[in-house]
Amino acid sequence: MAAHIGNVPTWVRIVVGVLAVINIGFGVVGYFYMGLHFQGGAGVDLTNPIIKNASYEFASRNLAIGLALGL
């Protein structure tokens, strides 16, 4: 599979790399401060433990996507 890496255009590699960095950042920031994504007007109560766990799953999903894109 590594022998065919030259077939992928450079711009595609750059775009995927940028998306990977964005997803990793989005996942880390979302894990530590989900209120950044859901402002007060969104109506999401982040003090509820069920919603808080869902927000952690959302952040970890973004982190996993970013790491997969980075590889």
PDB file of N, CA and C in Angstrom:
ATOM      1  N   MET A   1       0.818  -1.183   0.000  1.00  0.00           N
ATOM      2  CA  MET A   1       0.000   0.000   0.000  1.00  0.00           C
ATOM      3  C   MET A   1       0.866   1.253   0.000  1.00  0.00           C
ATOM      4  N   ALA A   2       1.990   1.221   0.694  1.00  0.00           N
ATOM      5  CA  ALA A   2       2.857   2.394   0.761  1.00  0.00           C
ATOM      6  C   ALA A   2       3.523   2.684  -0.573  1.00  0.00           C
ATOM      7  N   ALA A   3       3.618   1.688  -1.447  1.00  0.00           N
ATOM      8  CA  ALA A   3       4.243   1.902  -2.747  1.00  0.00           C
ATOM      9  C   ALA A   3       3.392   2.793  -3.651  1.00  0.00           C
ATOM     10  N   HIS A   4       2.105   2.917  -3.358  1.00  0.00           N
ATOM     11  CA  HIS A   4       1.213   3.692  -4.210  1.00  0.00           C
ATOM     12  C   HIS A   4       0.911   5.076  -3.651  1.00  0.00           C
ATOM     13  N   ILE A   5       1.665   5.530  -2.654  1.00  0.00           N
ATOM     14  CA  ILE A   5       1.395   6.834  -2.052  1.00  0.00           C
ATOM     15  C   ILE A   5       1.663   7.956  -3.044  1.00  0.00           C
ATOM     16  N   GLY A   6       2.493   7.727  -4.029  1.00  0.00           N
ATOM     17  CA  GLY A   6       2.777   8.735  -5.042  1.00  0.00           C
ATOM     18  C   GLY A   6       1.590   9.006  -5.944  1.00  0.00           C
ATOM     19  N   ASN A   7       0.612   8.106  -5.950  1.00  0.00           N
ATOM     20  CA  ASN A   7      -0.572   8.305  -6.784  1.00  0.00           C
ATOM     21  C   ASN A   7      -1.533   9.323  -6.198  1.00  0.00           C
ATOM     22  N   VAL A   8      -1.398   9.641  -4.927  1.00  0.00           N
ATOM     23  CA  VAL A   8      -2.279  10.601  -4.262  1.00  0.00           C
ATOM     24  C   VAL A   8      -1.720  12.002  -4.488  1.00  0.00           C
ATOM     25  N   PRO A   9      -2.536  12.908  -5.032  1.00  0.00           N
ATOM     26  CA  PRO A   9      -2.038  14.267  -5.268  1.00  0.00           C
ATOM     27  C   PRO A   9      -1.649  14.962  -3.963  1.00  0.00           C
ATOM     28  N   THR A  10      -0.710  15.871  -4.053  1.00  0.00           N
ATOM     29  CA  THR A  10      -0.212  16.573  -2.877  1.00  0.00           C
ATOM     30  C   THR A  10      -1.298  17.394  -2.212  1.00  0.00           C
ATOM     31  N   TRP A  11      -2.168  18.003  -2.998  1.00  0.00           N
ATOM     32  CA  TRP A  11      -3.206  18.848  -2.404  1.00  0.00           C
ATOM     33  C   TRP A  11      -4.179  18.022  -1.568  1.00  0.00           C
ATOM     34  N   VAL A  12      -4.398  16.769  -1.944  1.00  0.00           N
ATOM     35  CA  VAL A  12      -5.276  15.902  -1.158  1.00  0.00           C
ATOM     36  C   VAL A  12      -4.628  15.588   0.178  1.00  0.00           C
ATOM     37  N   ARG A  13      -3.340  15.322   0.172  1.00  0.00           N
ATOM     38  CA  ARG A  13      -2.626  15.052   1.426  1.00  0.00           C
ATOM     39  C   ARG A  13      -2.650  16.266   2.339  1.00  0.00           C
ATOM     40  N   ILE A  14      -2.494  17.456   1.765  1.00  0.00           N
ATOM     41  CA  ILE A  14      -2.508  18.678   2.570  1.00  0.00           C
ATOM     42  C   ILE A  14      -3.888  18.910   3.171  1.00  0.00           C
ATOM     43  N   VAL A  15      -4.937  18.737   2.380  1.00  0.00           N
ATOM     44  CA  VAL A  15      -6.304  18.936   2.872  1.00  0.00           C
ATOM     45  C   VAL A  15      -6.627  17.936   3.985  1.00  0.00           C
ATOM     46  N   VAL A  16      -6.260  16.691   3.799  1.00  0.00           N
ATOM     47  CA  VAL A  16      -6.515  15.677   4.830  1.00  0.00           C
ATOM     48  C   VAL A  16      -5.712  15.978   6.091  1.00  0.00           C
ATOM     49  N   GLY A  17      -4.500  16.470   5.941  1.00  0.00           N
ATOM     50  CA  GLY A  17      -3.704  16.849   7.102  1.00  0.00           C
ATOM     51  C   GLY A  17      -4.318  18.003   7.872  1.00  0.00           C
ATOM     52  N   VAL A  18      -4.821  18.992   7.148  1.00  0.00           N
ATOM     53  CA  VAL A  18      -5.481  20.128   7.802  1.00  0.00           C
ATOM     54  C   VAL A  18      -6.744  19.661   8.521  1.00  0.00           C
ATOM     55  N   LEU A  19      -7.534  18.811   7.871  1.00  0.00           N
ATOM     56  CA  LEU A  19      -8.735  18.270   8.514  1.00  0.00           C
ATOM     57  C   LEU A  19      -8.384  17.449   9.757  1.00  0.00           C
ATOM     58  N   ALA A  20      -7.284  16.728   9.706  1.00  0.00           N
ATOM     59  CA  ALA A  20      -6.858  15.946  10.861  1.00  0.00           C
ATOM     60  C   ALA A  20      -6.522  16.859  12.035  1.00  0.00           C
ATOM     61  N   VAL A  21      -5.774  17.923  11.771  1.00  0.00           N
ATOM     62  CA  VAL A  21      -5.408  18.851  12.843  1.00  0.00           C
ATOM     63  C   VAL A  21      -6.646  19.526  13.414  1.00  0.00           C
ATOM     64  N   ILE A  22      -7.581  19.917  12.551  1.00  0.00           N
ATOM     65  CA  ILE A  22      -8.818  20.556  13.017  1.00  0.00           C
ATOM     66  C   ILE A  22      -9.624  19.594  13.881  1.00  0.00           C
ATOM     67  N   ASN A  23      -9.774  18.353  13.446  1.00  0.00           N
ATOM     68  CA  ASN A  23     -10.534  17.376  14.225  1.00  0.00           C
ATOM     69  C   ASN A  23      -9.867  17.059  15.555  1.00  0.00           C
ATOM     70  N   ILE A  24      -8.553  16.985  15.582  1.00  0.00           N
ATOM     71  CA  ILE A  24      -7.859  16.732  16.843  1.00  0.00           C
ATOM     72  C   ILE A  24      -8.076  17.903  17.797  1.00  0.00           C
ATOM     73  N   GLY A  25      -7.921  19.112  17.286  1.00  0.00           N
ATOM     74  CA  GLY A  25      -8.162  20.294  18.118  1.00  0.00           C
ATOM     75  C   GLY A  25      -9.593  20.380  18.598  1.00  0.00           C
ATOM     76  N   PHE A  26     -10.533  20.094  17.706  1.00  0.00           N
ATOM     77  CA  PHE A  26     -11.952  20.126  18.050  1.00  0.00           C
ATOM     78  C   PHE A  26     -12.269  19.095  19.126  1.00  0.00           C
ATOM     79  N   GLY A  27     -11.656  17.924  19.029  1.00  0.00           N
ATOM     80  CA  GLY A  27     -11.892  16.877  20.022  1.00  0.00           C
ATOM     81  C   GLY A  27     -11.315  17.219  21.380  1.00  0.00           C
ATOM     82  N   VAL A  28     -10.100  17.767  21.405  1.00  0.00           N
ATOM     83  CA  VAL A  28      -9.463  18.097  22.684  1.00  0.00           C
ATOM     84  C   VAL A  28     -10.195  19.254  23.359  1.00  0.00           C
ATOM     85  N   VAL A  29     -10.491  20.301  22.590  1.00  0.00           N
ATOM     86  CA  VAL A  29     -11.208  21.447  23.166  1.00  0.00           C
ATOM     87  C   VAL A  29     -12.610  21.034  23.597  1.00  0.00           C
ATOM     88  N   GLY A  30     -13.265  20.210  22.808  1.00  0.00           N
ATOM     89  CA  GLY A  30     -14.600  19.748  23.164  1.00  0.00           C
ATOM     90  C   GLY A  30     -14.614  18.900  24.425  1.00  0.00           C
ATOM     91  N   TYR A  31     -13.555  18.156  24.656  1.00  0.00           N
ATOM     92  CA  TYR A  31     -13.497  17.316  25.850  1.00  0.00           C
ATOM     93  C   TYR A  31     -13.359  18.164  27.110  1.00  0.00           C
ATOM     94  N   PHE A  32     -12.536  19.190  27.043  1.00  0.00           N
ATOM     95  CA  PHE A  32     -12.285  20.000  28.226  1.00  0.00           C
ATOM     96  C   PHE A  32     -13.298  21.121  28.425  1.00  0.00           C
ATOM     97  N   TYR A  33     -13.874  21.654  27.339  1.00  0.00           N
ATOM     98  CA  TYR A  33     -14.829  22.755  27.479  1.00  0.00           C
ATOM     99  C   TYR A  33     -15.869  22.665  26.366  1.00  0.00           C
ATOM    100  N   MET A  34     -16.901  21.850  26.580  1.00  0.00           N
ATOM    101  CA  MET A  34     -17.937  21.661  25.560  1.00  0.00           C
ATOM    102  C   MET A  34     -18.785  22.914  25.391  1.00  0.00           C
ATOM    103  N   GLY A  35     -18.791  23.798  26.389  1.00  0.00           N
ATOM    104  CA  GLY A  35     -19.555  25.033  26.277  1.00  0.00           C
ATOM    105  C   GLY A  35     -19.091  25.911  25.133  1.00  0.00           C
ATOM    106  N   LEU A  36     -17.878  25.686  24.648  1.00  0.00           N
ATOM    107  CA  LEU A  36     -17.378  26.448  23.509  1.00  0.00           C
ATOM    108  C   LEU A  36     -18.181  26.119  22.254  1.00  0.00           C
ATOM    109  N   HIS A  37     -18.605  24.881  22.111  1.00  0.00           N
ATOM    110  CA  HIS A  37     -19.370  24.463  20.936  1.00  0.00           C
ATOM    111  C   HIS A  37     -20.849  24.805  21.073  1.00  0.00           C
ATOM    112  N   PHE A  38     -21.369  24.692  22.282  1.00  0.00           N
ATOM    113  CA  PHE A  38     -22.789  24.963  22.529  1.00  0.00           C
ATOM    114  C   PHE A  38     -22.894  26.207  23.397  1.00  0.00           C
ATOM    115  N   GLN A  39     -23.111  27.326  22.773  1.00  0.00           N
ATOM    116  CA  GLN A  39     -23.235  28.578  23.514  1.00  0.00           C
ATOM    117  C   GLN A  39     -24.536  28.577  24.309  1.00  0.00           C
ATOM    118  N   GLY A  40     -24.710  29.562  25.188  1.00  0.00           N
ATOM    119  CA  GLY A  40     -25.861  29.612  26.078  1.00  0.00           C
ATOM    120  C   GLY A  40     -27.197  29.601  25.354  1.00  0.00           C
ATOM    121  N   GLY A  41     -27.267  30.153  24.161  1.00  0.00           N
ATOM    122  CA  GLY A  41     -28.529  30.204  23.432  1.00  0.00           C
ATOM    123  C   GLY A  41     -28.939  28.891  22.798  1.00  0.00           C
ATOM    124  N   ALA A  42     -28.062  27.895  22.824  1.00  0.00           N
ATOM    125  CA  ALA A  42     -28.374  26.615  22.183  1.00  0.00           C
ATOM    126  C   ALA A  42     -29.361  25.793  22.998  1.00  0.00           C
ATOM    127  N   GLY A  43     -29.500  26.084  24.291  1.00  0.00           N
ATOM    128  CA  GLY A  43     -30.430  25.349  25.129  1.00  0.00           C
ATOM    129  C   GLY A  43     -29.921  24.008  25.607  1.00  0.00           C
ATOM    130  N   VAL A  44     -28.614  23.758  25.499  1.00  0.00           N
ATOM    131  CA  VAL A  44     -28.037  22.500  25.946  1.00  0.00           C
ATOM    132  C   VAL A  44     -27.557  22.683  27.381  1.00  0.00           C
ATOM    133  N   ASP A  45     -28.086  21.866  28.285  1.00  0.00           N
ATOM    134  CA  ASP A  45     -27.718  21.937  29.696  1.00  0.00           C
ATOM    135  C   ASP A  45     -26.555  20.990  29.956  1.00  0.00           C
ATOM    136  N   LEU A  46     -25.351  21.535  30.033  1.00  0.00           N
ATOM    137  CA  LEU A  46     -24.166  20.698  30.193  1.00  0.00           C
ATOM    138  C   LEU A  46     -23.937  20.251  31.629  1.00  0.00           C
ATOM    139  N   THR A  47     -24.815  20.652  32.559  1.00  0.00           N
ATOM    140  CA  THR A  47     -24.699  20.159  33.930  1.00  0.00           C
ATOM    141  C   THR A  47     -25.384  18.807  34.101  1.00  0.00           C
ATOM    142  N   ASN A  48     -26.232  18.435  33.160  1.00  0.00           N
ATOM    143  CA  ASN A  48     -26.894  17.139  33.187  1.00  0.00           C
ATOM    144  C   ASN A  48     -25.854  16.054  32.898  1.00  0.00           C
ATOM    145  N   PRO A  49     -25.732  15.030  33.754  1.00  0.00           N
ATOM    146  CA  PRO A  49     -24.688  14.016  33.541  1.00  0.00           C
ATOM    147  C   PRO A  49     -24.853  13.219  32.251  1.00  0.00           C
ATOM    148  N   ILE A  50     -26.078  13.003  31.825  1.00  0.00           N
ATOM    149  CA  ILE A  50     -26.290  12.249  30.579  1.00  0.00           C
ATOM    150  C   ILE A  50     -25.794  13.053  29.383  1.00  0.00           C
ATOM    151  N   ILE A  51     -26.127  14.329  29.357  1.00  0.00           N
ATOM    152  CA  ILE A  51     -25.677  15.180  28.252  1.00  0.00           C
ATOM    153  C   ILE A  51     -24.171  15.386  28.327  1.00  0.00           C
ATOM    154  N   LYS A  52     -23.634  15.463  29.524  1.00  0.00           N
ATOM    155  CA  LYS A  52     -22.189  15.617  29.675  1.00  0.00           C
ATOM    156  C   LYS A  52     -21.457  14.387  29.133  1.00  0.00           C
ATOM    157  N   ASN A  53     -21.966  13.191  29.411  1.00  0.00           N
ATOM    158  CA  ASN A  53     -21.352  11.978  28.864  1.00  0.00           C
ATOM    159  C   ASN A  53     -21.474  11.933  27.347  1.00  0.00           C
ATOM    160  N   ALA A  54     -22.610  12.377  26.823  1.00  0.00           N
ATOM    161  CA  ALA A  54     -22.775  12.433  25.368  1.00  0.00           C
ATOM    162  C   ALA A  54     -21.785  13.413  24.747  1.00  0.00           C
ATOM    163  N   SER A  55     -21.523  14.516  25.437  1.00  0.00           N
ATOM    164  CA  SER A  55     -20.561  15.483  24.901  1.00  0.00           C
ATOM    165  C   SER A  55     -19.152  14.901  24.912  1.00  0.00           C
ATOM    166  N   TYR A  56     -18.823  14.084  25.905  1.00  0.00           N
ATOM    167  CA  TYR A  56     -17.519  13.424  25.922  1.00  0.00           C
ATOM    168  C   TYR A  56     -17.397  12.432  24.764  1.00  0.00           C
ATOM    169  N   GLU A  57     -18.484  11.717  24.477  1.00  0.00           N
ATOM    170  CA  GLU A  57     -18.466  10.786  23.341  1.00  0.00           C
ATOM    171  C   GLU A  57     -18.313  11.537  22.027  1.00  0.00           C
ATOM    172  N   PHE A  58     -18.967  12.689  21.913  1.00  0.00           N
ATOM    173  CA  PHE A  58     -18.850  13.517  20.716  1.00  0.00           C
ATOM    174  C   PHE A  58     -17.413  13.992  20.541  1.00  0.00           C
ATOM    175  N   ALA A  59     -16.800  14.447  21.622  1.00  0.00           N
ATOM    176  CA  ALA A  59     -15.421  14.924  21.554  1.00  0.00           C
ATOM    177  C   ALA A  59     -14.459  13.779  21.229  1.00  0.00           C
ATOM    178  N   SER A  60     -14.679  12.617  21.823  1.00  0.00           N
ATOM    179  CA  SER A  60     -13.782  11.492  21.549  1.00  0.00           C
ATOM    180  C   SER A  60     -13.943  10.983  20.122  1.00  0.00           C
ATOM    181  N   ARG A  61     -15.149  11.090  19.584  1.00  0.00           N
ATOM    182  CA  ARG A  61     -15.350  10.709  18.175  1.00  0.00           C
ATOM    183  C   ARG A  61     -14.550  11.628  17.265  1.00  0.00           C
ATOM    184  N   ASN A  62     -14.595  12.941  17.533  1.00  0.00           N
ATOM    185  CA  ASN A  62     -13.830  13.872  16.709  1.00  0.00           C
ATOM    186  C   ASN A  62     -12.330  13.637  16.846  1.00  0.00           C
ATOM    187  N   LEU A  63     -11.887  13.327  18.047  1.00  0.00           N
ATOM    188  CA  LEU A  63     -10.476  13.048  18.257  1.00  0.00           C
ATOM    189  C   LEU A  63     -10.057  11.787  17.492  1.00  0.00           C
ATOM    190  N   ALA A  64     -10.895  10.756  17.530  1.00  0.00           N
ATOM    191  CA  ALA A  64     -10.583   9.511  16.804  1.00  0.00           C
ATOM    192  C   ALA A  64     -10.550   9.737  15.301  1.00  0.00           C
ATOM    193  N   ILE A  65     -11.484  10.532  14.785  1.00  0.00           N
ATOM    194  CA  ILE A  65     -11.474  10.836  13.349  1.00  0.00           C
ATOM    195  C   ILE A  65     -10.204  11.588  12.976  1.00  0.00           C
ATOM    196  N   GLY A  66      -9.823  12.554  13.811  1.00  0.00           N
ATOM    197  CA  GLY A  66      -8.609  13.316  13.537  1.00  0.00           C
ATOM    198  C   GLY A  66      -7.361  12.445  13.549  1.00  0.00           C
ATOM    199  N   LEU A  67      -7.286  11.544  14.528  1.00  0.00           N
ATOM    200  CA  LEU A  67      -6.121  10.645  14.585  1.00  0.00           C
ATOM    201  C   LEU A  67      -6.096   9.692  13.402  1.00  0.00           C
ATOM    202  N   ALA A  68      -7.264   9.208  12.995  1.00  0.00           N
ATOM    203  CA  ALA A  68      -7.311   8.309  11.842  1.00  0.00           C
ATOM    204  C   ALA A  68      -6.906   9.040  10.560  1.00  0.00           C
ATOM    205  N   LEU A  69      -7.361  10.273  10.413  1.00  0.00           N
ATOM    206  CA  LEU A  69      -6.965  11.051   9.242  1.00  0.00           C
ATOM    207  C   LEU A  69      -5.470  11.354   9.269  1.00  0.00           C
ATOM    208  N   GLY A  70      -4.938  11.567  10.452  1.00  0.00           N
ATOM    209  CA  GLY A  70      -3.513  11.857  10.565  1.00  0.00           C
ATOM    210  C   GLY A  70      -2.633  10.675  10.194  1.00  0.00           C
ATOM    211  N   LEU A  71      -3.133   9.489  10.440  1.00  0.00           N
ATOM    212  CA  LEU A  71      -2.341   8.299  10.084  1.00  0.00           C
ATOM    213  C   LEU A  71      -2.405   8.068   8.600  1.00  0.00           C
TER     214      LEU A  71
END
